PDB file of N, CA and C in Angstrom:
ATOM      1  N   MET A   1       0.849  -1.174   0.000  1.00  0.00           N
ATOM      2  CA  MET A   1       0.000   0.000   0.000  1.00  0.00           C
ATOM      3  C   MET A   1       0.895   1.239   0.000  1.00  0.00           C
ATOM      4  N   ARG A   2       0.609   2.174  -0.869  1.00  0.00           N
ATOM      5  CA  ARG A   2       1.376   3.410  -0.951  1.00  0.00           C
ATOM      6  C   ARG A   2       0.734   4.498  -0.105  1.00  0.00           C
ATOM      7  N   LEU A   3       1.579   5.157   0.684  1.00  0.00           N
ATOM      8  CA  LEU A   3       1.107   6.236   1.531  1.00  0.00           C
ATOM      9  C   LEU A   3       1.640   7.566   1.021  1.00  0.00           C
ATOM     10  N   CYS A   4       0.953   8.652   1.381  1.00  0.00           N
ATOM     11  CA  CYS A   4       1.415   9.966   0.959  1.00  0.00           C
ATOM     12  C   CYS A   4       1.019  11.028   1.972  1.00  0.00           C
ATOM     13  N   LEU A   5       1.746  12.140   1.883  1.00  0.00           N
ATOM     14  CA  LEU A   5       1.429  13.344   2.636  1.00  0.00           C
ATOM     15  C   LEU A   5       0.729  14.295   1.684  1.00  0.00           C
ATOM     16  N   ILE A   6      -0.303  14.955   2.153  1.00  0.00           N
ATOM     17  CA  ILE A   6      -1.023  15.931   1.349  1.00  0.00           C
ATOM     18  C   ILE A   6      -0.775  17.299   1.968  1.00  0.00           C
ATOM     19  N   TYR A   7      -0.213  18.201   1.186  1.00  0.00           N
ATOM     20  CA  TYR A   7       0.098  19.559   1.624  1.00  0.00           C
ATOM     21  C   TYR A   7      -0.995  20.475   1.097  1.00  0.00           C
ATOM     22  N   VAL A   8      -1.642  21.214   1.998  1.00  0.00           N
ATOM     23  CA  VAL A   8      -2.755  22.091   1.633  1.00  0.00           C
ATOM     24  C   VAL A   8      -2.560  23.437   2.321  1.00  0.00           C
ATOM     25  N   THR A   9      -2.730  24.530   1.579  1.00  0.00           N
ATOM     26  CA  THR A   9      -2.764  25.840   2.217  1.00  0.00           C
ATOM     27  C   THR A   9      -4.219  26.287   2.319  1.00  0.00           C
ATOM     28  N   THR A  10      -4.532  26.980   3.422  1.00  0.00           N
ATOM     29  CA  THR A  10      -5.886  27.469   3.653  1.00  0.00           C
ATOM     30  C   THR A  10      -5.823  28.931   4.088  1.00  0.00           C
ATOM     31  N   LYS A  11      -6.970  29.612   4.044  1.00  0.00           N
ATOM     32  CA  LYS A  11      -6.985  31.041   4.378  1.00  0.00           C
ATOM     33  C   LYS A  11      -6.658  31.310   5.834  1.00  0.00           C
ATOM     34  N   ASP A  12      -6.980  30.354   6.738  1.00  0.00           N
ATOM     35  CA  ASP A  12      -6.693  30.553   8.154  1.00  0.00           C
ATOM     36  C   ASP A  12      -6.812  29.224   8.902  1.00  0.00           C
ATOM     37  N   LYS A  13      -6.500  29.288  10.186  1.00  0.00           N
ATOM     38  CA  LYS A  13      -6.510  28.085  11.023  1.00  0.00           C
ATOM     39  C   LYS A  13      -7.906  27.469  11.119  1.00  0.00           C
ATOM     40  N   GLU A  14      -8.932  28.297  11.176  1.00  0.00           N
ATOM     41  CA  GLU A  14     -10.293  27.782  11.301  1.00  0.00           C
ATOM     42  C   GLU A  14     -10.684  26.958  10.078  1.00  0.00           C
ATOM     43  N   GLU A  15     -10.325  27.441   8.891  1.00  0.00           N
ATOM     44  CA  GLU A  15     -10.638  26.668   7.684  1.00  0.00           C
ATOM     45  C   GLU A  15      -9.848  25.359   7.679  1.00  0.00           C
ATOM     46  N   ALA A  16      -8.584  25.406   8.054  1.00  0.00           N
ATOM     47  CA  ALA A  16      -7.767  24.195   8.116  1.00  0.00           C
ATOM     48  C   ALA A  16      -8.365  23.193   9.105  1.00  0.00           C
ATOM     49  N   ARG A  17      -8.811  23.676  10.263  1.00  0.00           N
ATOM     50  CA  ARG A  17      -9.410  22.792  11.263  1.00  0.00           C
ATOM     51  C   ARG A  17     -10.705  22.158  10.753  1.00  0.00           C
ATOM     52  N   ALA A  18     -11.525  22.928  10.068  1.00  0.00           N
ATOM     53  CA  ALA A  18     -12.789  22.386   9.542  1.00  0.00           C
ATOM     54  C   ALA A  18     -12.518  21.308   8.493  1.00  0.00           C
ATOM     55  N   ILE A  19     -11.605  21.584   7.590  1.00  0.00           N
ATOM     56  CA  ILE A  19     -11.249  20.599   6.564  1.00  0.00           C
ATOM     57  C   ILE A  19     -10.618  19.377   7.222  1.00  0.00           C
ATOM     58  N   GLY A  20      -9.676  19.614   8.137  1.00  0.00           N
ATOM     59  CA  GLY A  20      -8.993  18.510   8.805  1.00  0.00           C
ATOM     60  C   GLY A  20      -9.946  17.619   9.580  1.00  0.00           C
ATOM     61  N   ARG A  21     -10.851  18.232  10.309  1.00  0.00           N
ATOM     62  CA  ARG A  21     -11.823  17.444  11.081  1.00  0.00           C
ATOM     63  C   ARG A  21     -12.655  16.563  10.157  1.00  0.00           C
ATOM     64  N   HIS A  22     -13.086  17.121   9.038  1.00  0.00           N
ATOM     65  CA  HIS A  22     -13.911  16.335   8.124  1.00  0.00           C
ATOM     66  C   HIS A  22     -13.143  15.156   7.529  1.00  0.00           C
ATOM     67  N   VAL A  23     -11.931  15.399   7.038  1.00  0.00           N
ATOM     68  CA  VAL A  23     -11.210  14.308   6.355  1.00  0.00           C
ATOM     69  C   VAL A  23     -10.759  13.217   7.323  1.00  0.00           C
ATOM     70  N   VAL A  24     -10.468  13.566   8.576  1.00  0.00           N
ATOM     71  CA  VAL A  24     -10.106  12.532   9.553  1.00  0.00           C
ATOM     72  C   VAL A  24     -11.357  11.765   9.992  1.00  0.00           C
ATOM     73  N   ALA A  25     -12.429  12.481  10.307  1.00  0.00           N
ATOM     74  CA  ALA A  25     -13.670  11.821  10.737  1.00  0.00           C
ATOM     75  C   ALA A  25     -14.241  10.925   9.647  1.00  0.00           C
ATOM     76  N   SER A  26     -14.017  11.316   8.389  1.00  0.00           N
ATOM     77  CA  SER A  26     -14.497  10.522   7.252  1.00  0.00           C
ATOM     78  C   SER A  26     -13.552   9.391   6.882  1.00  0.00           C
ATOM     79  N   ARG A  27     -12.444   9.279   7.606  1.00  0.00           N
ATOM     80  CA  ARG A  27     -11.425   8.251   7.358  1.00  0.00           C
ATOM     81  C   ARG A  27     -10.753   8.394   6.002  1.00  0.00           C
ATOM     82  N   LEU A  28     -10.754   9.615   5.459  1.00  0.00           N
ATOM     83  CA  LEU A  28     -10.010   9.890   4.226  1.00  0.00           C
ATOM     84  C   LEU A  28      -8.547  10.169   4.541  1.00  0.00           C
ATOM     85  N   ALA A  29      -8.255  10.558   5.779  1.00  0.00           N
ATOM     86  CA  ALA A  29      -6.893  10.787   6.250  1.00  0.00           C
ATOM     87  C   ALA A  29      -6.760  10.196   7.646  1.00  0.00           C
ATOM     88  N   ALA A  30      -5.579   9.674   7.948  1.00  0.00           N
ATOM     89  CA  ALA A  30      -5.346   9.108   9.280  1.00  0.00           C
ATOM     90  C   ALA A  30      -5.223  10.210  10.314  1.00  0.00           C
ATOM     91  N   CYS A  31      -4.578  11.298   9.939  1.00  0.00           N
ATOM     92  CA  CYS A  31      -4.416  12.430  10.843  1.00  0.00           C
ATOM     93  C   CYS A  31      -4.005  13.646  10.027  1.00  0.00           C
ATOM     94  N   VAL A  32      -4.127  14.802  10.637  1.00  0.00           N
ATOM     95  CA  VAL A  32      -3.676  16.044  10.005  1.00  0.00           C
ATOM     96  C   VAL A  32      -2.866  16.845  11.011  1.00  0.00           C
ATOM     97  N   ASN A  33      -1.972  17.655  10.488  1.00  0.00           N
ATOM     98  CA  ASN A  33      -1.227  18.631  11.286  1.00  0.00           C
ATOM     99  C   ASN A  33      -1.520  19.993  10.702  1.00  0.00           C
ATOM    100  N   ILE A  34      -1.638  20.995  11.561  1.00  0.00           N
ATOM    101  CA  ILE A  34      -1.940  22.348  11.119  1.00  0.00           C
ATOM    102  C   ILE A  34      -0.865  23.299  11.622  1.00  0.00           C
ATOM    103  N   PHE A  35      -0.316  24.075  10.711  1.00  0.00           N
ATOM    104  CA  PHE A  35       0.648  25.120  11.033  1.00  0.00           C
ATOM    105  C   PHE A  35      -0.030  26.447  10.745  1.00  0.00           C
ATOM    106  N   ASP A  36      -0.191  27.258  11.761  1.00  0.00           N
ATOM    107  CA  ASP A  36      -0.898  28.523  11.614  1.00  0.00           C
ATOM    108  C   ASP A  36       0.072  29.661  11.314  1.00  0.00           C
ATOM    109  N   HIS A  37      -0.455  30.689  10.682  1.00  0.00           N
ATOM    110  CA  HIS A  37       0.244  31.946  10.455  1.00  0.00           C
ATOM    111  C   HIS A  37       1.523  31.803   9.625  1.00  0.00           C
ATOM    112  N   MET A  38       1.422  31.027   8.545  1.00  0.00           N
ATOM    113  CA  MET A  38       2.529  30.886   7.619  1.00  0.00           C
ATOM    114  C   MET A  38       2.515  32.080   6.657  1.00  0.00           C
ATOM    115  N   ASN A  39       3.664  32.603   6.344  1.00  0.00           N
ATOM    116  CA  ASN A  39       3.746  33.704   5.396  1.00  0.00           C
ATOM    117  C   ASN A  39       3.843  33.133   3.986  1.00  0.00           C
ATOM    118  N   SER A  40       2.988  33.586   3.082  1.00  0.00           N
ATOM    119  CA  SER A  40       2.983  33.135   1.691  1.00  0.00           C
ATOM    120  C   SER A  40       3.164  34.327   0.765  1.00  0.00           C
ATOM    121  N   MET A  41       4.033  34.184  -0.215  1.00  0.00           N
ATOM    122  CA  MET A  41       4.241  35.215  -1.235  1.00  0.00           C
ATOM    123  C   MET A  41       4.070  34.570  -2.601  1.00  0.00           C
ATOM    124  N   TYR A  42       3.246  35.208  -3.450  1.00  0.00           N
ATOM    125  CA  TYR A  42       2.921  34.641  -4.755  1.00  0.00           C
ATOM    126  C   TYR A  42       2.228  35.703  -5.607  1.00  0.00           C
ATOM    127  N   TYR A  43       2.124  35.398  -6.884  1.00  0.00           N
ATOM    128  CA  TYR A  43       1.326  36.238  -7.771  1.00  0.00           C
ATOM    129  C   TYR A  43      -0.035  35.591  -7.950  1.00  0.00           C
ATOM    130  N   TRP A  44      -1.091  36.391  -7.844  1.00  0.00           N
ATOM    131  CA  TRP A  44      -2.454  35.920  -8.106  1.00  0.00           C
ATOM    132  C   TRP A  44      -3.152  36.973  -8.937  1.00  0.00           C
ATOM    133  N   GLU A  45      -3.655  36.556 -10.095  1.00  0.00           N
ATOM    134  CA  GLU A  45      -4.346  37.439 -11.024  1.00  0.00           C
ATOM    135  C   GLU A  45      -3.515  38.682 -11.320  1.00  0.00           C
ATOM    136  N   GLY A  46      -2.212  38.469 -11.531  1.00  0.00           N
ATOM    137  CA  GLY A  46      -1.305  39.529 -11.944  1.00  0.00           C
ATOM    138  C   GLY A  46      -0.784  40.434 -10.852  1.00  0.00           C
ATOM    139  N   ALA A  47      -1.192  40.209  -9.608  1.00  0.00           N
ATOM    140  CA  ALA A  47      -0.757  41.070  -8.505  1.00  0.00           C
ATOM    141  C   ALA A  47       0.052  40.269  -7.491  1.00  0.00           C
ATOM    142  N   PHE A  48       1.113  40.881  -7.000  1.00  0.00           N
ATOM    143  CA  PHE A  48       1.941  40.244  -5.985  1.00  0.00           C
ATOM    144  C   PHE A  48       1.176  40.202  -4.663  1.00  0.00           C
ATOM    145  N   GLN A  49       1.170  39.042  -4.031  1.00  0.00           N
ATOM    146  CA  GLN A  49       0.482  38.843  -2.756  1.00  0.00           C
ATOM    147  C   GLN A  49       1.502  38.512  -1.674  1.00  0.00           C
ATOM    148  N   ASP A  50       1.316  39.045  -0.497  1.00  0.00           N
ATOM    149  CA  ASP A  50       2.135  38.741   0.674  1.00  0.00           C
ATOM    150  C   ASP A  50       1.151  38.551   1.821  1.00  0.00           C
ATOM    151  N   ASP A  51       0.745  37.291   2.047  1.00  0.00           N
ATOM    152  CA  ASP A  51      -0.357  36.979   2.959  1.00  0.00           C
ATOM    153  C   ASP A  51       0.068  36.021   4.062  1.00  0.00           C
ATOM    154  N   HIS A  52      -0.831  35.855   5.015  1.00  0.00           N
ATOM    155  CA  HIS A  52      -0.696  34.820   6.031  1.00  0.00           C
ATOM    156  C   HIS A  52      -1.749  33.763   5.754  1.00  0.00           C
ATOM    157  N   GLU A  53      -1.334  32.511   5.835  1.00  0.00           N
ATOM    158  CA  GLU A  53      -2.221  31.380   5.618  1.00  0.00           C
ATOM    159  C   GLU A  53      -1.941  30.337   6.698  1.00  0.00           C
ATOM    160  N   ALA A  54      -2.712  29.267   6.672  1.00  0.00           N
ATOM    161  CA  ALA A  54      -2.437  28.096   7.499  1.00  0.00           C
ATOM    162  C   ALA A  54      -2.123  26.935   6.566  1.00  0.00           C
ATOM    163  N   VAL A  55      -1.299  26.022   7.030  1.00  0.00           N
ATOM    164  CA  VAL A  55      -0.954  24.821   6.268  1.00  0.00           C
ATOM    165  C   VAL A  55      -1.558  23.618   6.968  1.00  0.00           C
ATOM    166  N   LEU A  56      -2.168  22.759   6.182  1.00  0.00           N
ATOM    167  CA  LEU A  56      -2.701  21.499   6.667  1.00  0.00           C
ATOM    168  C   LEU A  56      -1.915  20.393   5.983  1.00  0.00           C
ATOM    169  N   ILE A  57      -1.392  19.452   6.749  1.00  0.00           N
ATOM    170  CA  ILE A  57      -0.707  18.288   6.185  1.00  0.00           C
ATOM    171  C   ILE A  57      -1.482  17.056   6.625  1.00  0.00           C
ATOM    172  N   ALA A  58      -1.922  16.271   5.656  1.00  0.00           N
ATOM    173  CA  ALA A  58      -2.692  15.060   5.937  1.00  0.00           C
ATOM    174  C   ALA A  58      -1.894  13.833   5.523  1.00  0.00           C
ATOM    175  N   LYS A  59      -2.111  12.731   6.242  1.00  0.00           N
ATOM    176  CA  LYS A  59      -1.488  11.460   5.892  1.00  0.00           C
ATOM    177  C   LYS A  59      -2.579  10.510   5.440  1.00  0.00           C
ATOM    178  N   THR A  60      -2.366   9.888   4.256  1.00  0.00           N
ATOM    179  CA  THR A  60      -3.383   9.012   3.702  1.00  0.00           C
ATOM    180  C   THR A  60      -2.756   7.989   2.763  1.00  0.00           C
ATOM    181  N   THR A  61      -3.606   7.224   2.085  1.00  0.00           N
ATOM    182  CA  THR A  61      -3.142   6.266   1.086  1.00  0.00           C
ATOM    183  C   THR A  61      -3.361   6.835  -0.311  1.00  0.00           C
ATOM    184  N   GLU A  62      -2.567   6.354  -1.235  1.00  0.00           N
ATOM    185  CA  GLU A  62      -2.681   6.817  -2.620  1.00  0.00           C
ATOM    186  C   GLU A  62      -4.072   6.530  -3.193  1.00  0.00           C
ATOM    187  N   THR A  63      -4.676   5.416  -2.809  1.00  0.00           N
ATOM    188  CA  THR A  63      -5.988   5.063  -3.351  1.00  0.00           C
ATOM    189  C   THR A  63      -7.092   6.016  -2.907  1.00  0.00           C
ATOM    190  N   LEU A  64      -6.908   6.672  -1.765  1.00  0.00           N
ATOM    191  CA  LEU A  64      -7.921   7.608  -1.280  1.00  0.00           C
ATOM    192  C   LEU A  64      -7.728   9.029  -1.794  1.00  0.00           C
ATOM    193  N   LEU A  65      -6.651   9.284  -2.532  1.00  0.00           N
ATOM    194  CA  LEU A  65      -6.362  10.645  -2.994  1.00  0.00           C
ATOM    195  C   LEU A  65      -7.512  11.307  -3.744  1.00  0.00           C
ATOM    196  N   PRO A  66      -8.122  10.663  -4.731  1.00  0.00           N
ATOM    197  CA  PRO A  66      -9.216  11.353  -5.446  1.00  0.00           C
ATOM    198  C   PRO A  66     -10.346  11.801  -4.522  1.00  0.00           C
ATOM    199  N   ASP A  67     -10.756  10.928  -3.594  1.00  0.00           N
ATOM    200  CA  ASP A  67     -11.832  11.292  -2.657  1.00  0.00           C
ATOM    201  C   ASP A  67     -11.383  12.374  -1.685  1.00  0.00           C
ATOM    202  N   LEU A  68     -10.135  12.286  -1.224  1.00  0.00           N
ATOM    203  CA  LEU A  68      -9.607  13.289  -0.300  1.00  0.00           C
ATOM    204  C   LEU A  68      -9.522  14.653  -0.972  1.00  0.00           C
ATOM    205  N   ILE A  69      -8.990  14.695  -2.176  1.00  0.00           N
ATOM    206  CA  ILE A  69      -8.886  15.964  -2.911  1.00  0.00           C
ATOM    207  C   ILE A  69     -10.271  16.563  -3.147  1.00  0.00           C
ATOM    208  N   ALA A  70     -11.224  15.736  -3.533  1.00  0.00           N
ATOM    209  CA  ALA A  70     -12.593  16.228  -3.758  1.00  0.00           C
ATOM    210  C   ALA A  70     -13.188  16.799  -2.467  1.00  0.00           C
ATOM    211  N   ALA A  71     -12.978  16.125  -1.339  1.00  0.00           N
ATOM    212  CA  ALA A  71     -13.511  16.603  -0.057  1.00  0.00           C
ATOM    213  C   ALA A  71     -12.877  17.928   0.345  1.00  0.00           C
ATOM    214  N   ILE A  72     -11.577  18.062   0.108  1.00  0.00           N
ATOM    215  CA  ILE A  72     -10.902  19.318   0.437  1.00  0.00           C
ATOM    216  C   ILE A  72     -11.421  20.441  -0.447  1.00  0.00           C
ATOM    217  N   LYS A  73     -11.499  20.199  -1.747  1.00  0.00           N
ATOM    218  CA  LYS A  73     -11.966  21.240  -2.674  1.00  0.00           C
ATOM    219  C   LYS A  73     -13.388  21.672  -2.349  1.00  0.00           C
ATOM    220  N   GLN A  74     -14.228  20.736  -1.946  1.00  0.00           N
ATOM    221  CA  GLN A  74     -15.629  21.054  -1.630  1.00  0.00           C
ATOM    222  C   GLN A  74     -15.738  22.003  -0.434  1.00  0.00           C
ATOM    223  N   ARG A  75     -14.798  21.909   0.506  1.00  0.00           N
ATOM    224  CA  ARG A  75     -14.869  22.698   1.739  1.00  0.00           C
ATOM    225  C   ARG A  75     -13.923  23.889   1.743  1.00  0.00           C
ATOM    226  N   HIS A  76     -13.165  24.060   0.688  1.00  0.00           N
ATOM    227  CA  HIS A  76     -12.131  25.094   0.630  1.00  0.00           C
ATOM    228  C   HIS A  76     -12.694  26.394   0.066  1.00  0.00           C
ATOM    229  N   SER A  77     -12.222  27.520   0.584  1.00  0.00           N
ATOM    230  CA  SER A  77     -12.723  28.821   0.138  1.00  0.00           C
ATOM    231  C   SER A  77     -12.006  29.362  -1.104  1.00  0.00           C
ATOM    232  N   TYR A  78     -10.847  28.822  -1.454  1.00  0.00           N
ATOM    233  CA  TYR A  78     -10.083  29.339  -2.597  1.00  0.00           C
ATOM    234  C   TYR A  78     -10.643  28.818  -3.924  1.00  0.00           C
ATOM    235  N   ASP A  79     -10.499  29.636  -4.972  1.00  0.00           N
ATOM    236  CA  ASP A  79     -10.874  29.201  -6.321  1.00  0.00           C
ATOM    237  C   ASP A  79      -9.940  28.105  -6.823  1.00  0.00           C
ATOM    238  N   CYS A  80      -8.679  28.208  -6.462  1.00  0.00           N
ATOM    239  CA  CYS A  80      -7.657  27.269  -6.922  1.00  0.00           C
ATOM    240  C   CYS A  80      -6.771  26.877  -5.741  1.00  0.00           C
ATOM    241  N   PRO A  81      -7.280  26.007  -4.846  1.00  0.00           N
ATOM    242  CA  PRO A  81      -6.507  25.681  -3.645  1.00  0.00           C
ATOM    243  C   PRO A  81      -5.253  24.875  -3.949  1.00  0.00           C
ATOM    244  N   CYS A  82      -4.216  25.141  -3.168  1.00  0.00           N
ATOM    245  CA  CYS A  82      -2.993  24.340  -3.234  1.00  0.00           C
ATOM    246  C   CYS A  82      -3.273  23.022  -2.531  1.00  0.00           C
ATOM    247  N   ILE A  83      -3.276  21.938  -3.288  1.00  0.00           N
ATOM    248  CA  ILE A  83      -3.413  20.583  -2.758  1.00  0.00           C
ATOM    249  C   ILE A  83      -2.372  19.757  -3.491  1.00  0.00           C
ATOM    250  N   VAL A  84      -1.330  19.334  -2.782  1.00  0.00           N
ATOM    251  CA  VAL A  84      -0.216  18.630  -3.411  1.00  0.00           C
ATOM    252  C   VAL A  84       0.031  17.321  -2.668  1.00  0.00           C
ATOM    253  N   ALA A  85       0.143  16.230  -3.406  1.00  0.00           N
ATOM    254  CA  ALA A  85       0.435  14.922  -2.820  1.00  0.00           C
ATOM    255  C   ALA A  85       1.925  14.626  -2.956  1.00  0.00           C
ATOM    256  N   LEU A  86       2.525  14.222  -1.842  1.00  0.00           N
ATOM    257  CA  LEU A  86       3.941  13.851  -1.811  1.00  0.00           C
ATOM    258  C   LEU A  86       4.042  12.399  -1.358  1.00  0.00           C
ATOM    259  N   PRO A  87       4.715  11.554  -2.136  1.00  0.00           N
ATOM    260  CA  PRO A  87       4.817  10.145  -1.737  1.00  0.00           C
ATOM    261  C   PRO A  87       5.677   9.976  -0.483  1.00  0.00           C
ATOM    262  N   ILE A  88       5.276   9.053   0.350  1.00  0.00           N
ATOM    263  CA  ILE A  88       6.083   8.656   1.499  1.00  0.00           C
ATOM    264  C   ILE A  88       6.915   7.465   1.040  1.00  0.00           C
ATOM    265  N   THR A  89       8.215   7.614   1.027  1.00  0.00           N
ATOM    266  CA  THR A  89       9.078   6.538   0.530  1.00  0.00           C
ATOM    267  C   THR A  89       9.613   5.643   1.638  1.00  0.00           C
ATOM    268  N   ASP A  90       9.609   6.138   2.880  1.00  0.00           N
ATOM    269  CA  ASP A  90      10.116   5.343   3.989  1.00  0.00           C
ATOM    270  C   ASP A  90       9.724   6.020   5.298  1.00  0.00           C
ATOM    271  N   GLY A  91       9.906   5.331   6.389  1.00  0.00           N
ATOM    272  CA  GLY A  91       9.602   5.898   7.698  1.00  0.00           C
ATOM    273  C   GLY A  91       9.499   4.824   8.748  1.00  0.00           C
ATOM    274  N   ASN A  92       9.008   5.191   9.904  1.00  0.00           N
ATOM    275  CA  ASN A  92       8.809   4.253  10.996  1.00  0.00           C
ATOM    276  C   ASN A  92       7.725   3.249  10.582  1.00  0.00           C
ATOM    277  N   PRO A  93       8.081   1.974  10.405  1.00  0.00           N
ATOM    278  CA  PRO A  93       7.095   0.989   9.948  1.00  0.00           C
ATOM    279  C   PRO A  93       5.831   0.944  10.808  1.00  0.00           C
ATOM    280  N   ALA A  94       5.980   1.074  12.114  1.00  0.00           N
ATOM    281  CA  ALA A  94       4.798   1.029  12.988  1.00  0.00           C
ATOM    282  C   ALA A  94       3.872   2.210  12.711  1.00  0.00           C
ATOM    283  N   PHE A  95       4.440   3.401  12.498  1.00  0.00           N
ATOM    284  CA  PHE A  95       3.617   4.570  12.196  1.00  0.00           C
ATOM    285  C   PHE A  95       2.958   4.426  10.827  1.00  0.00           C
ATOM    286  N   LEU A  96       3.697   3.976   9.847  1.00  0.00           N
ATOM    287  CA  LEU A  96       3.134   3.817   8.506  1.00  0.00           C
ATOM    288  C   LEU A  96       1.987   2.810   8.516  1.00  0.00           C
ATOM    289  N   GLN A  97       2.117   1.743   9.295  1.00  0.00           N
ATOM    290  CA  GLN A  97       1.031   0.772   9.412  1.00  0.00           C
ATOM    291  C   GLN A  97      -0.172   1.395  10.112  1.00  0.00           C
ATOM    292  N   TRP A  98       0.088   2.224  11.122  1.00  0.00           N
ATOM    293  CA  TRP A  98      -0.999   2.910  11.814  1.00  0.00           C
ATOM    294  C   TRP A  98      -1.785   3.792  10.841  1.00  0.00           C
ATOM    295  N   VAL A  99      -1.071   4.540   9.982  1.00  0.00           N
ATOM    296  CA  VAL A  99      -1.748   5.378   8.979  1.00  0.00           C
ATOM    297  C   VAL A  99      -2.650   4.515   8.118  1.00  0.00           C
ATOM    298  N   ALA A 100      -2.110   3.424   7.593  1.00  0.00           N
ATOM    299  CA  ALA A 100      -2.906   2.534   6.737  1.00  0.00           C
ATOM    300  C   ALA A 100      -4.116   1.980   7.483  1.00  0.00           C
ATOM    301  N   ASP A 101      -3.921   1.588   8.727  1.00  0.00           N
ATOM    302  CA  ASP A 101      -5.036   1.030   9.517  1.00  0.00           C
ATOM    303  C   ASP A 101      -6.129   2.062   9.780  1.00  0.00           C
ATOM    304  N   GLN A 102      -5.765   3.313   9.972  1.00  0.00           N
ATOM    305  CA  GLN A 102      -6.750   4.351  10.296  1.00  0.00           C
ATOM    306  C   GLN A 102      -7.664   4.686   9.134  1.00  0.00           C
ATOM    307  N   VAL A 103      -7.182   4.584   7.926  1.00  0.00           N
ATOM    308  CA  VAL A 103      -8.016   4.929   6.774  1.00  0.00           C
ATOM    309  C   VAL A 103      -8.708   3.714   6.177  1.00  0.00           C
ATOM    310  N   MET A 104      -8.352   2.527   6.627  1.00  0.00           N
ATOM    311  CA  MET A 104      -8.937   1.323   6.065  1.00  0.00           C
ATOM    312  C   MET A 104     -10.325   0.975   6.589  1.00  0.00           C
ATOM    313  N   PRO A 105     -10.658   1.258   7.852  1.00  0.00           N
ATOM    314  CA  PRO A 105     -11.998   0.869   8.314  1.00  0.00           C
ATOM    315  C   PRO A 105     -13.093   1.482   7.446  1.00  0.00           C
ATOM    316  N   ALA A 106     -14.167   0.754   7.341  1.00  0.00           N
ATOM    317  CA  ALA A 106     -15.290   1.256   6.548  1.00  0.00           C
ATOM    318  C   ALA A 106     -15.765   2.585   7.105  1.00  0.00           C
ATOM    319  N   ARG A 107     -15.995   3.522   6.205  1.00  0.00           N
ATOM    320  CA  ARG A 107     -16.567   4.808   6.622  1.00  0.00           C
ATOM    321  C   ARG A 107     -18.067   4.601   6.790  1.00  0.00           C
ATOM    322  N   GLY A 108     -18.606   5.054   7.879  1.00  0.00           N
ATOM    323  CA  GLY A 108     -20.022   4.831   8.101  1.00  0.00           C
ATOM    324  C   GLY A 108     -20.593   5.734   9.163  1.00  0.00           C
ATOM    325  N   PRO A 109     -21.667   5.280   9.809  1.00  0.00           N
ATOM    326  CA  PRO A 109     -22.399   6.134  10.742  1.00  0.00           C
ATOM    327  C   PRO A 109     -21.610   6.532  11.982  1.00  0.00           C
ATOM    328  N   GLU A 110     -20.490   5.845  12.284  1.00  0.00           N
ATOM    329  CA  GLU A 110     -19.726   6.229  13.473  1.00  0.00           C
ATOM    330  C   GLU A 110     -19.006   7.547  13.289  1.00  0.00           C
ATOM    331  N   SER A 111     -18.960   8.036  12.065  1.00  0.00           N
ATOM    332  CA  SER A 111     -18.275   9.299  11.778  1.00  0.00           C
ATOM    333  C   SER A 111     -19.026  10.468  12.382  1.00  0.00           C
ATOM    334  N   PRO A 112     -18.350  11.314  13.209  1.00  0.00           N
ATOM    335  CA  PRO A 112     -19.028  12.448  13.843  1.00  0.00           C
ATOM    336  C   PRO A 112     -19.252  13.621  12.915  1.00  0.00           C
ATOM    337  N   VAL A 113     -18.762  13.548  11.695  1.00  0.00           N
ATOM    338  CA  VAL A 113     -18.938  14.678  10.765  1.00  0.00           C
ATOM    339  C   VAL A 113     -19.816  14.259   9.619  1.00  0.00           C
TER     340      VAL A 113
END
């Protein structure tokens, strides 16, 4: 089973928390980490931007990526959200197995979201 990290930028910590809660409760991600108040610099619609955002990092399986990306896009406020999948090539075997186990159970009524 292939695992990956999903890197997502959001407008603020509250949006990251809402997205993170949904994808973990739905078993689309084993867990998420949120970094608040990240400085981002980029061009958008021809204008230079210097903003603060939050970063959400999710751990999941490659097979769940399409559903995870769709769930993030559905709840995201940006027109073109940054959602990038990075393969996990190695790590603590016990942790990697835990990630796989967390997303494998059937998603159903036990989900609080």
